All heavy atoms as atom14 arrays in JSON, in Angstrom:
{
  "sequence": "HLAAQKKNTVLLLCDMTAPMMPCICPPSELEVDKSLGSIFAAQH",
  "atom14_mask": [
    [1, 1, 1, 1, 1, 1, 1, 1, 1, 1, 0, 0, 0, 0],
    [1, 1, 1, 1, 1, 1, 1, 1, 0, 0, 0, 0, 0, 0],
    [1, 1, 1, 1, 1, 0, 0, 0, 0, 0, 0, 0, 0, 0],
    [1, 1, 1, 1, 1, 0, 0, 0, 0, 0, 0, 0, 0, 0],
    [1, 1, 1, 1, 1, 1, 1, 1, 1, 0, 0, 0, 0, 0],
    [1, 1, 1, 1, 1, 1, 1, 1, 1, 0, 0, 0, 0, 0],
    [1, 1, 1, 1, 1, 1, 1, 1, 1, 0, 0, 0, 0, 0],
    [1, 1, 1, 1, 1, 1, 1, 1, 0, 0, 0, 0, 0, 0],
    [1, 1, 1, 1, 1, 1, 1, 0, 0, 0, 0, 0, 0, 0],
    [1, 1, 1, 1, 1, 1, 1, 0, 0, 0, 0, 0, 0, 0],
    [1, 1, 1, 1, 1, 1, 1, 1, 0, 0, 0, 0, 0, 0],
    [1, 1, 1, 1, 1, 1, 1, 1, 0, 0, 0, 0, 0, 0],
    [1, 1, 1, 1, 1, 1, 1, 1, 0, 0, 0, 0, 0, 0],
    [1, 1, 1, 1, 1, 1, 0, 0, 0, 0, 0, 0, 0, 0],
    [1, 1, 1, 1, 1, 1, 1, 1, 0, 0, 0, 0, 0, 0],
    [1, 1, 1, 1, 1, 1, 1, 1, 0, 0, 0, 0, 0, 0],
    [1, 1, 1, 1, 1, 1, 1, 0, 0, 0, 0, 0, 0, 0],
    [1, 1, 1, 1, 1, 0, 0, 0, 0, 0, 0, 0, 0, 0],
    [1, 1, 1, 1, 1, 1, 1, 0, 0, 0, 0, 0, 0, 0],
    [1, 1, 1, 1, 1, 1, 1, 1, 0, 0, 0, 0, 0, 0],
    [1, 1, 1, 1, 1, 1, 1, 1, 0, 0, 0, 0, 0, 0],
    [1, 1, 1, 1, 1, 1, 1, 0, 0, 0, 0, 0, 0, 0],
    [1, 1, 1, 1, 1, 1, 0, 0, 0, 0, 0, 0, 0, 0],
    [1, 1, 1, 1, 1, 1, 1, 1, 0, 0, 0, 0, 0, 0],
    [1, 1, 1, 1, 1, 1, 0, 0, 0, 0, 0, 0, 0, 0],
    [1, 1, 1, 1, 1, 1, 1, 0, 0, 0, 0, 0, 0, 0],
    [1, 1, 1, 1, 1, 1, 1, 0, 0, 0, 0, 0, 0, 0],
    [1, 1, 1, 1, 1, 1, 0, 0, 0, 0, 0, 0, 0, 0],
    [1, 1, 1, 1, 1, 1, 1, 1, 1, 0, 0, 0, 0, 0],
    [1, 1, 1, 1, 1, 1, 1, 1, 0, 0, 0, 0, 0, 0],
    [1, 1, 1, 1, 1, 1, 1, 1, 1, 0, 0, 0, 0, 0],
    [1, 1, 1, 1, 1, 1, 1, 0, 0, 0, 0, 0, 0, 0],
    [1, 1, 1, 1, 1, 1, 1, 1, 0, 0, 0, 0, 0, 0],
    [1, 1, 1, 1, 1, 1, 1, 1, 1, 0, 0, 0, 0, 0],
    [1, 1, 1, 1, 1, 1, 0, 0, 0, 0, 0, 0, 0, 0],
    [1, 1, 1, 1, 1, 1, 1, 1, 0, 0, 0, 0, 0, 0],
    [1, 1, 1, 1, 0, 0, 0, 0, 0, 0, 0, 0, 0, 0],
    [1, 1, 1, 1, 1, 1, 0, 0, 0, 0, 0, 0, 0, 0],
    [1, 1, 1, 1, 1, 1, 1, 1, 0, 0, 0, 0, 0, 0],
    [1, 1, 1, 1, 1, 1, 1, 1, 1, 1, 1, 0, 0, 0],
    [1, 1, 1, 1, 1, 0, 0, 0, 0, 0, 0, 0, 0, 0],
    [1, 1, 1, 1, 1, 0, 0, 0, 0, 0, 0, 0, 0, 0],
    [1, 1, 1, 1, 1, 1, 1, 1, 1, 0, 0, 0, 0, 0],
    [1, 1, 1, 1, 1, 1, 1, 1, 1, 1, 0, 0, 0, 0]
  ],
  "atom14_positions": [
    [[-84.21, 37.73, -26.4], [-82.88, 37.24, -26.04], [-82.64, 37.38, -24.54], [-82.14, 36.46, -23.89], [-81.82, 37.99, -26.84], [-80.42, 37.55, -26.54], [-79.87, 36.39, -27.04], [-79.45, 38.12, -25.78], [-78.63, 36.24, -26.6], [-78.34, 37.3, -25.84], [0.0, 0.0, 0.0], [0.0, 0.0, 0.0], [0.0, 0.0, 0.0], [0.0, 0.0, 0.0]],
    [[-83.01, 38.53, -23.98], [-82.82, 38.74, -22.54], [-83.76, 37.83, -21.73], [-83.37, 37.33, -20.66], [-83.08, 40.2, -22.19], [-82.08, 41.21, -22.76], [-82.51, 42.64, -22.45], [-80.68, 40.96, -22.21], [0.0, 0.0, 0.0], [0.0, 0.0, 0.0], [0.0, 0.0, 0.0], [0.0, 0.0, 0.0], [0.0, 0.0, 0.0], [0.0, 0.0, 0.0]],
    [[-84.97, 37.63, -22.22], [-85.9, 36.74, -21.51], [-85.39, 35.31, -21.5], [-85.58, 34.58, -20.52], [-87.28, 36.81, -22.17], [0.0, 0.0, 0.0], [0.0, 0.0, 0.0], [0.0, 0.0, 0.0], [0.0, 0.0, 0.0], [0.0, 0.0, 0.0], [0.0, 0.0, 0.0], [0.0, 0.0, 0.0], [0.0, 0.0, 0.0], [0.0, 0.0, 0.0]],
    [[-84.73, 34.89, -22.6], [-84.16, 33.55, -22.64], [-83.02, 33.39, -21.64], [-82.7, 32.28, -21.23], [-83.67, 33.23, -24.05], [0.0, 0.0, 0.0], [0.0, 0.0, 0.0], [0.0, 0.0, 0.0], [0.0, 0.0, 0.0], [0.0, 0.0, 0.0], [0.0, 0.0, 0.0], [0.0, 0.0, 0.0], [0.0, 0.0, 0.0], [0.0, 0.0, 0.0]],
    [[-82.43, 34.5, -21.23], [-81.35, 34.48, -20.23], [-81.91, 34.6, -18.8], [-81.15, 34.91, -17.88], [-80.39, 35.64, -20.5], [-79.62, 35.53, -21.81], [-78.59, 34.42, -21.76], [-78.09, 34.09, -20.7], [-78.29, 33.83, -22.91], [0.0, 0.0, 0.0], [0.0, 0.0, 0.0], [0.0, 0.0, 0.0], [0.0, 0.0, 0.0], [0.0, 0.0, 0.0]],
    [[-83.23, 34.35, -18.65], [-83.89, 34.41, -17.34], [-83.85, 35.8, -16.74], [-83.76, 35.97, -15.52], [-83.25, 33.4, -16.36], [-83.17, 31.97, -16.88], [-84.55, 31.41, -17.15], [-84.46, 29.96, -17.62], [-85.79, 29.4, -17.93], [0.0, 0.0, 0.0], [0.0, 0.0, 0.0], [0.0, 0.0, 0.0], [0.0, 0.0, 0.0], [0.0, 0.0, 0.0]],
    [[-83.94, 36.81, -17.6], [-83.96, 38.18, -17.14], [-85.41, 38.69, -17.14], [-86.18, 38.38, -18.06], [-83.11, 39.09, -18.04], [-81.63, 38.71, -18.1], [-80.95, 39.01, -16.78], [-79.46, 38.74, -16.88], [-78.77, 39.0, -15.59], [0.0, 0.0, 0.0], [0.0, 0.0, 0.0], [0.0, 0.0, 0.0], [0.0, 0.0, 0.0], [0.0, 0.0, 0.0]],
    [[-85.77, 39.45, -16.13], [-87.08, 40.11, -16.12], [-87.06, 41.25, -17.13], [-86.34, 42.24, -16.96], [-87.41, 40.64, -14.73], [-87.61, 39.52, -13.73], [-88.1, 38.46, -14.07], [-87.21, 39.76, -12.48], [0.0, 0.0, 0.0], [0.0, 0.0, 0.0], [0.0, 0.0, 0.0], [0.0, 0.0, 0.0], [0.0, 0.0, 0.0], [0.0, 0.0, 0.0]],
    [[-87.81, 41.1, -18.2], [-87.74, 42.03, -19.33], [-89.1, 42.64, -19.59], [-90.12, 41.93, -19.6], [-87.26, 41.31, -20.6], [-86.04, 40.62, -20.31], [-87.02, 42.29, -21.73], [0.0, 0.0, 0.0], [0.0, 0.0, 0.0], [0.0, 0.0, 0.0], [0.0, 0.0, 0.0], [0.0, 0.0, 0.0], [0.0, 0.0, 0.0], [0.0, 0.0, 0.0]],
    [[-89.12, 43.96, -19.79], [-90.34, 44.68, -20.14], [-90.12, 45.32, -21.49], [-89.14, 46.07, -21.67], [-90.7, 45.74, -19.08], [-91.92, 46.53, -19.53], [-90.94, 45.1, -17.73], [0.0, 0.0, 0.0], [0.0, 0.0, 0.0], [0.0, 0.0, 0.0], [0.0, 0.0, 0.0], [0.0, 0.0, 0.0], [0.0, 0.0, 0.0], [0.0, 0.0, 0.0]],
    [[-91.02, 45.04, -22.44], [-90.94, 45.62, -23.77], [-91.95, 46.76, -23.86], [-93.16, 46.54, -23.78], [-91.23, 44.56, -24.84], [-91.2, 45.03, -26.29], [-89.81, 45.53, -26.68], [-91.64, 43.91, -27.23], [0.0, 0.0, 0.0], [0.0, 0.0, 0.0], [0.0, 0.0, 0.0], [0.0, 0.0, 0.0], [0.0, 0.0, 0.0], [0.0, 0.0, 0.0]],
    [[-91.48, 47.98, -24.03], [-92.33, 49.17, -24.08], [-92.29, 49.74, -25.47], [-91.25, 50.21, -25.94], [-91.86, 50.21, -23.05], [-92.67, 51.51, -22.98], [-94.11, 51.21, -22.6], [-92.04, 52.48, -22.0], [0.0, 0.0, 0.0], [0.0, 0.0, 0.0], [0.0, 0.0, 0.0], [0.0, 0.0, 0.0], [0.0, 0.0, 0.0], [0.0, 0.0, 0.0]],
    [[-93.43, 49.71, -26.18], [-93.55, 50.24, -27.54], [-94.25, 51.59, -27.46], [-95.4, 51.67, -27.04], [-94.33, 49.28, -28.42], [-93.76, 47.85, -28.51], [-94.66, 46.96, -29.36], [-92.35, 47.87, -29.08], [0.0, 0.0, 0.0], [0.0, 0.0, 0.0], [0.0, 0.0, 0.0], [0.0, 0.0, 0.0], [0.0, 0.0, 0.0], [0.0, 0.0, 0.0]],
    [[-93.56, 52.63, -27.85], [-94.06, 54.0, -27.67], [-94.73, 54.56, -28.92], [-95.3, 55.65, -28.86], [-92.92, 54.93, -27.25], [-92.12, 54.43, -25.71], [0.0, 0.0, 0.0], [0.0, 0.0, 0.0], [0.0, 0.0, 0.0], [0.0, 0.0, 0.0], [0.0, 0.0, 0.0], [0.0, 0.0, 0.0], [0.0, 0.0, 0.0], [0.0, 0.0, 0.0]],
    [[-94.63, 53.89, -30.06], [-95.24, 54.41, -31.28], [-96.76, 54.29, -31.22], [-97.3, 53.36, -30.62], [-94.71, 53.67, -32.51], [-93.25, 53.99, -32.78], [-92.78, 55.01, -32.25], [-92.59, 53.21, -33.5], [0.0, 0.0, 0.0], [0.0, 0.0, 0.0], [0.0, 0.0, 0.0], [0.0, 0.0, 0.0], [0.0, 0.0, 0.0], [0.0, 0.0, 0.0]],
    [[-97.44, 55.23, -31.88], [-98.9, 55.17, -31.94], [-99.37, 53.99, -32.78], [-100.5, 53.51, -32.61], [-99.45, 56.48, -32.53], [-99.17, 57.7, -31.67], [-100.03, 57.63, -30.08], [-101.72, 57.74, -30.64], [0.0, 0.0, 0.0], [0.0, 0.0, 0.0], [0.0, 0.0, 0.0], [0.0, 0.0, 0.0], [0.0, 0.0, 0.0], [0.0, 0.0, 0.0]],
    [[-98.53, 53.51, -33.7], [-98.92, 52.41, -34.58], [-98.21, 51.12, -34.18], [-97.81, 50.33, -35.02], [-98.57, 52.76, -36.04], [-97.17, 53.06, -36.13], [-99.37, 53.95, -36.51], [0.0, 0.0, 0.0], [0.0, 0.0, 0.0], [0.0, 0.0, 0.0], [0.0, 0.0, 0.0], [0.0, 0.0, 0.0], [0.0, 0.0, 0.0], [0.0, 0.0, 0.0]],
    [[-98.05, 50.91, -32.87], [-97.39, 49.69, -32.41], [-98.25, 48.48, -32.74], [-99.48, 48.54, -32.67], [-97.16, 49.76, -30.91], [0.0, 0.0, 0.0], [0.0, 0.0, 0.0], [0.0, 0.0, 0.0], [0.0, 0.0, 0.0], [0.0, 0.0, 0.0], [0.0, 0.0, 0.0], [0.0, 0.0, 0.0], [0.0, 0.0, 0.0], [0.0, 0.0, 0.0]],
    [[-97.63, 47.37, -33.15], [-98.41, 46.16, -33.51], [-99.06, 45.53, -32.29], [-98.64, 45.74, -31.15], [-97.34, 45.24, -34.12], [-96.07, 45.68, -33.5], [-96.18, 47.16, -33.29], [0.0, 0.0, 0.0], [0.0, 0.0, 0.0], [0.0, 0.0, 0.0], [0.0, 0.0, 0.0], [0.0, 0.0, 0.0], [0.0, 0.0, 0.0], [0.0, 0.0, 0.0]],
    [[-100.09, 44.72, -32.55], [-100.77, 43.99, -31.48], [-99.86, 42.88, -30.97], [-98.94, 42.43, -31.64], [-102.07, 43.39, -31.99], [-103.08, 44.43, -32.5], [-103.72, 45.45, -31.16], [-104.68, 44.23, -30.29], [0.0, 0.0, 0.0], [0.0, 0.0, 0.0], [0.0, 0.0, 0.0], [0.0, 0.0, 0.0], [0.0, 0.0, 0.0], [0.0, 0.0, 0.0]],
    [[-100.13, 42.44, -29.75], [-99.31, 41.4, -29.15], [-99.28, 40.12, -29.98], [-98.21, 39.51, -30.12], [-99.8, 41.11, -27.74], [-99.44, 42.17, -26.73], [-97.67, 42.31, -26.48], [-97.31, 40.73, -25.75], [0.0, 0.0, 0.0], [0.0, 0.0, 0.0], [0.0, 0.0, 0.0], [0.0, 0.0, 0.0], [0.0, 0.0, 0.0], [0.0, 0.0, 0.0]],
    [[-100.4, 39.65, -30.55], [-100.32, 38.43, -31.36], [-99.42, 38.57, -32.57], [-98.99, 37.57, -33.15], [-101.78, 38.19, -31.78], [-102.58, 38.85, -30.72], [-101.8, 40.06, -30.34], [0.0, 0.0, 0.0], [0.0, 0.0, 0.0], [0.0, 0.0, 0.0], [0.0, 0.0, 0.0], [0.0, 0.0, 0.0], [0.0, 0.0, 0.0], [0.0, 0.0, 0.0]],
    [[-99.13, 39.83, -33.01], [-98.2, 40.03, -34.12], [-96.75, 39.91, -33.67], [-95.87, 39.59, -34.47], [-98.43, 41.4, -34.76], [-100.08, 41.62, -35.44], [0.0, 0.0, 0.0], [0.0, 0.0, 0.0], [0.0, 0.0, 0.0], [0.0, 0.0, 0.0], [0.0, 0.0, 0.0], [0.0, 0.0, 0.0], [0.0, 0.0, 0.0], [0.0, 0.0, 0.0]],
    [[-96.5, 40.18, -32.41], [-95.14, 40.11, -31.88], [-94.8, 38.68, -31.48], [-93.73, 38.17, -31.77], [-94.98, 41.07, -30.69], [-95.19, 42.51, -31.15], [-93.62, 40.91, -30.04], [-95.15, 43.52, -30.04], [0.0, 0.0, 0.0], [0.0, 0.0, 0.0], [0.0, 0.0, 0.0], [0.0, 0.0, 0.0], [0.0, 0.0, 0.0], [0.0, 0.0, 0.0]],
    [[-95.76, 38.03, -30.8], [-95.56, 36.65, -30.37], [-96.69, 35.8, -30.93], [-97.83, 36.26, -31.02], [-95.54, 36.55, -28.85], [-94.19, 37.45, -28.07], [0.0, 0.0, 0.0], [0.0, 0.0, 0.0], [0.0, 0.0, 0.0], [0.0, 0.0, 0.0], [0.0, 0.0, 0.0], [0.0, 0.0, 0.0], [0.0, 0.0, 0.0], [0.0, 0.0, 0.0]],
    [[-96.41, 34.57, -31.32], [-97.48, 33.69, -31.82], [-98.54, 33.47, -30.74], [-98.23, 33.44, -29.55], [-96.73, 32.38, -32.15], [-95.31, 32.78, -32.3], [-95.09, 33.94, -31.38], [0.0, 0.0, 0.0], [0.0, 0.0, 0.0], [0.0, 0.0, 0.0], [0.0, 0.0, 0.0], [0.0, 0.0, 0.0], [0.0, 0.0, 0.0], [0.0, 0.0, 0.0]],
    [[-99.8, 33.29, -31.16], [-100.85, 33.04, -30.16], [-100.58, 31.83, -29.3], [-100.99, 31.77, -28.14], [-102.11, 32.85, -31.03], [-101.81, 33.58, -32.3], [-100.35, 33.44, -32.51], [0.0, 0.0, 0.0], [0.0, 0.0, 0.0], [0.0, 0.0, 0.0], [0.0, 0.0, 0.0], [0.0, 0.0, 0.0], [0.0, 0.0, 0.0], [0.0, 0.0, 0.0]],
    [[-99.89, 30.84, -29.85], [-99.58, 29.65, -29.06], [-98.7, 29.98, -27.87], [-98.76, 29.31, -26.84], [-98.91, 28.6, -29.94], [-97.71, 29.12, -30.49], [0.0, 0.0, 0.0], [0.0, 0.0, 0.0], [0.0, 0.0, 0.0], [0.0, 0.0, 0.0], [0.0, 0.0, 0.0], [0.0, 0.0, 0.0], [0.0, 0.0, 0.0], [0.0, 0.0, 0.0]],
    [[-97.86, 31.0, -28.0], [-97.02, 31.4, -26.89], [-97.75, 32.3, -25.91], [-97.38, 32.4, -24.75], [-95.76, 32.12, -27.4], [-94.83, 31.24, -28.23], [-93.57, 31.97, -28.61], [-93.36, 33.09, -28.07], [-92.79, 31.45, -29.42], [0.0, 0.0, 0.0], [0.0, 0.0, 0.0], [0.0, 0.0, 0.0], [0.0, 0.0, 0.0], [0.0, 0.0, 0.0]],
    [[-98.8, 32.98, -26.41], [-99.53, 33.89, -25.53], [-100.54, 33.15, -24.66], [-100.86, 33.59, -23.57], [-100.27, 34.94, -26.36], [-99.38, 35.93, -27.13], [-100.25, 36.8, -28.0], [-98.57, 36.77, -26.17], [0.0, 0.0, 0.0], [0.0, 0.0, 0.0], [0.0, 0.0, 0.0], [0.0, 0.0, 0.0], [0.0, 0.0, 0.0], [0.0, 0.0, 0.0]],
    [[-101.09, 32.05, -25.11], [-102.16, 31.36, -24.41], [-101.67, 30.17, -23.59], [-102.42, 29.27, -23.27], [-103.22, 30.9, -25.41], [-103.89, 32.07, -26.1], [-104.94, 31.61, -27.09], [-105.1, 30.41, -27.27], [-105.59, 32.48, -27.69], [0.0, 0.0, 0.0], [0.0, 0.0, 0.0], [0.0, 0.0, 0.0], [0.0, 0.0, 0.0], [0.0, 0.0, 0.0]],
    [[-100.4, 30.15, -23.26], [-99.9, 29.11, -22.39], [-100.14, 29.5, -20.94], [-100.45, 30.65, -20.63], [-98.38, 28.87, -22.64], [-98.17, 28.3, -24.01], [-97.59, 30.15, -22.45], [0.0, 0.0, 0.0], [0.0, 0.0, 0.0], [0.0, 0.0, 0.0], [0.0, 0.0, 0.0], [0.0, 0.0, 0.0], [0.0, 0.0, 0.0], [0.0, 0.0, 0.0]],
    [[-99.97, 28.53, -20.05], [-100.28, 28.76, -18.63], [-99.11, 29.45, -17.95], [-98.35, 28.82, -17.22], [-100.6, 27.43, -17.94], [-101.69, 26.68, -18.66], [-102.54, 27.36, -19.26], [-101.69, 25.44, -18.62], [0.0, 0.0, 0.0], [0.0, 0.0, 0.0], [0.0, 0.0, 0.0], [0.0, 0.0, 0.0], [0.0, 0.0, 0.0], [0.0, 0.0, 0.0]],
    [[-98.97, 30.75, -18.18], [-97.83, 31.45, -17.61], [-98.26, 32.6, -16.7], [-97.83, 32.68, -15.57], [-96.92, 31.99, -18.72], [-96.17, 30.89, -19.48], [-95.24, 31.48, -20.51], [-94.47, 30.39, -21.25], [-93.57, 30.95, -22.27], [0.0, 0.0, 0.0], [0.0, 0.0, 0.0], [0.0, 0.0, 0.0], [0.0, 0.0, 0.0], [0.0, 0.0, 0.0]],
    [[-99.11, 33.49, -17.19], [-99.44, 34.67, -16.4], [-100.77, 35.23, -16.88], [-101.36, 34.77, -17.85], [-98.34, 35.74, -16.54], [-98.33, 36.23, -17.87], [0.0, 0.0, 0.0], [0.0, 0.0, 0.0], [0.0, 0.0, 0.0], [0.0, 0.0, 0.0], [0.0, 0.0, 0.0], [0.0, 0.0, 0.0], [0.0, 0.0, 0.0], [0.0, 0.0, 0.0]],
    [[-101.21, 36.28, -16.17], [-102.44, 36.96, -16.57], [-102.27, 37.71, -17.88], [-103.25, 38.12, -18.5], [-102.87, 37.94, -15.47], [-103.32, 37.31, -14.16], [-103.66, 38.39, -13.15], [-104.51, 36.41, -14.37], [0.0, 0.0, 0.0], [0.0, 0.0, 0.0], [0.0, 0.0, 0.0], [0.0, 0.0, 0.0], [0.0, 0.0, 0.0], [0.0, 0.0, 0.0]],
    [[-101.0, 37.91, -18.31], [-100.77, 38.53, -19.61], [-101.37, 37.72, -20.73], [-101.7, 38.25, -21.8], [0.0, 0.0, 0.0], [0.0, 0.0, 0.0], [0.0, 0.0, 0.0], [0.0, 0.0, 0.0], [0.0, 0.0, 0.0], [0.0, 0.0, 0.0], [0.0, 0.0, 0.0], [0.0, 0.0, 0.0], [0.0, 0.0, 0.0], [0.0, 0.0, 0.0]],
    [[-101.52, 36.42, -20.53], [-102.13, 35.57, -21.55], [-103.58, 35.98, -21.8], [-104.09, 35.81, -22.91], [-102.08, 34.1, -21.11], [-100.74, 33.7, -20.88], [0.0, 0.0, 0.0], [0.0, 0.0, 0.0], [0.0, 0.0, 0.0], [0.0, 0.0, 0.0], [0.0, 0.0, 0.0], [0.0, 0.0, 0.0], [0.0, 0.0, 0.0], [0.0, 0.0, 0.0]],
    [[-104.24, 36.51, -20.78], [-105.63, 36.95, -20.94], [-105.7, 38.22, -21.78], [-106.45, 38.31, -22.74], [-106.28, 37.17, -19.56], [-106.26, 35.88, -18.75], [-107.7, 37.68, -19.72], [-106.77, 36.04, -17.33], [0.0, 0.0, 0.0], [0.0, 0.0, 0.0], [0.0, 0.0, 0.0], [0.0, 0.0, 0.0], [0.0, 0.0, 0.0], [0.0, 0.0, 0.0]],
    [[-104.84, 39.2, -21.42], [-104.91, 40.5, -22.09], [-104.35, 40.45, -23.51], [-104.72, 41.27, -24.35], [-104.15, 41.54, -21.27], [-104.69, 41.73, -19.89], [-103.97, 41.31, -18.79], [-105.92, 42.3, -19.68], [-104.46, 41.47, -17.51], [-106.43, 42.47, -18.4], [-105.7, 42.05, -17.31], [0.0, 0.0, 0.0], [0.0, 0.0, 0.0], [0.0, 0.0, 0.0]],
    [[-103.46, 39.49, -23.78], [-102.81, 39.46, -25.08], [-103.5, 38.51, -26.05], [-103.15, 38.5, -27.23], [-101.35, 39.04, -24.92], [0.0, 0.0, 0.0], [0.0, 0.0, 0.0], [0.0, 0.0, 0.0], [0.0, 0.0, 0.0], [0.0, 0.0, 0.0], [0.0, 0.0, 0.0], [0.0, 0.0, 0.0], [0.0, 0.0, 0.0], [0.0, 0.0, 0.0]],
    [[-104.43, 37.7, -25.6], [-105.07, 36.73, -26.48], [-105.94, 37.44, -27.52], [-106.48, 38.52, -27.28], [-105.92, 35.76, -25.66], [0.0, 0.0, 0.0], [0.0, 0.0, 0.0], [0.0, 0.0, 0.0], [0.0, 0.0, 0.0], [0.0, 0.0, 0.0], [0.0, 0.0, 0.0], [0.0, 0.0, 0.0], [0.0, 0.0, 0.0], [0.0, 0.0, 0.0]],
    [[-106.05, 36.82, -28.7], [-106.87, 37.41, -29.76], [-108.35, 37.37, -29.41], [-109.1, 38.29, -29.73], [-106.63, 36.65, -31.07], [-105.25, 36.88, -31.67], [-105.03, 36.05, -32.92], [-105.48, 34.92, -33.0], [-104.33, 36.62, -33.88], [0.0, 0.0, 0.0], [0.0, 0.0, 0.0], [0.0, 0.0, 0.0], [0.0, 0.0, 0.0], [0.0, 0.0, 0.0]],
    [[-108.79, 36.3, -28.74], [-110.19, 36.16, -28.35], [-110.23, 35.82, -26.86], [-109.75, 34.76, -26.46], [-110.89, 35.06, -29.16], [-110.86, 35.3, -30.64], [-111.66, 36.24, -31.26], [-110.1, 34.73, -31.62], [-111.42, 36.23, -32.56], [-110.47, 35.33, -32.8], [0.0, 0.0, 0.0], [0.0, 0.0, 0.0], [0.0, 0.0, 0.0], [0.0, 0.0, 0.0]]
  ]
}
């Protein structure tokens, strides 16, 4: 919601059993041409 408002947002998950990034966001959103985060968050 904050990111949709053009806010710089950092999501910090502190649990030891935090889900993988592809579980939080669809892979189609992770592999778009946006940032180097697409590399680290991609499934392959």
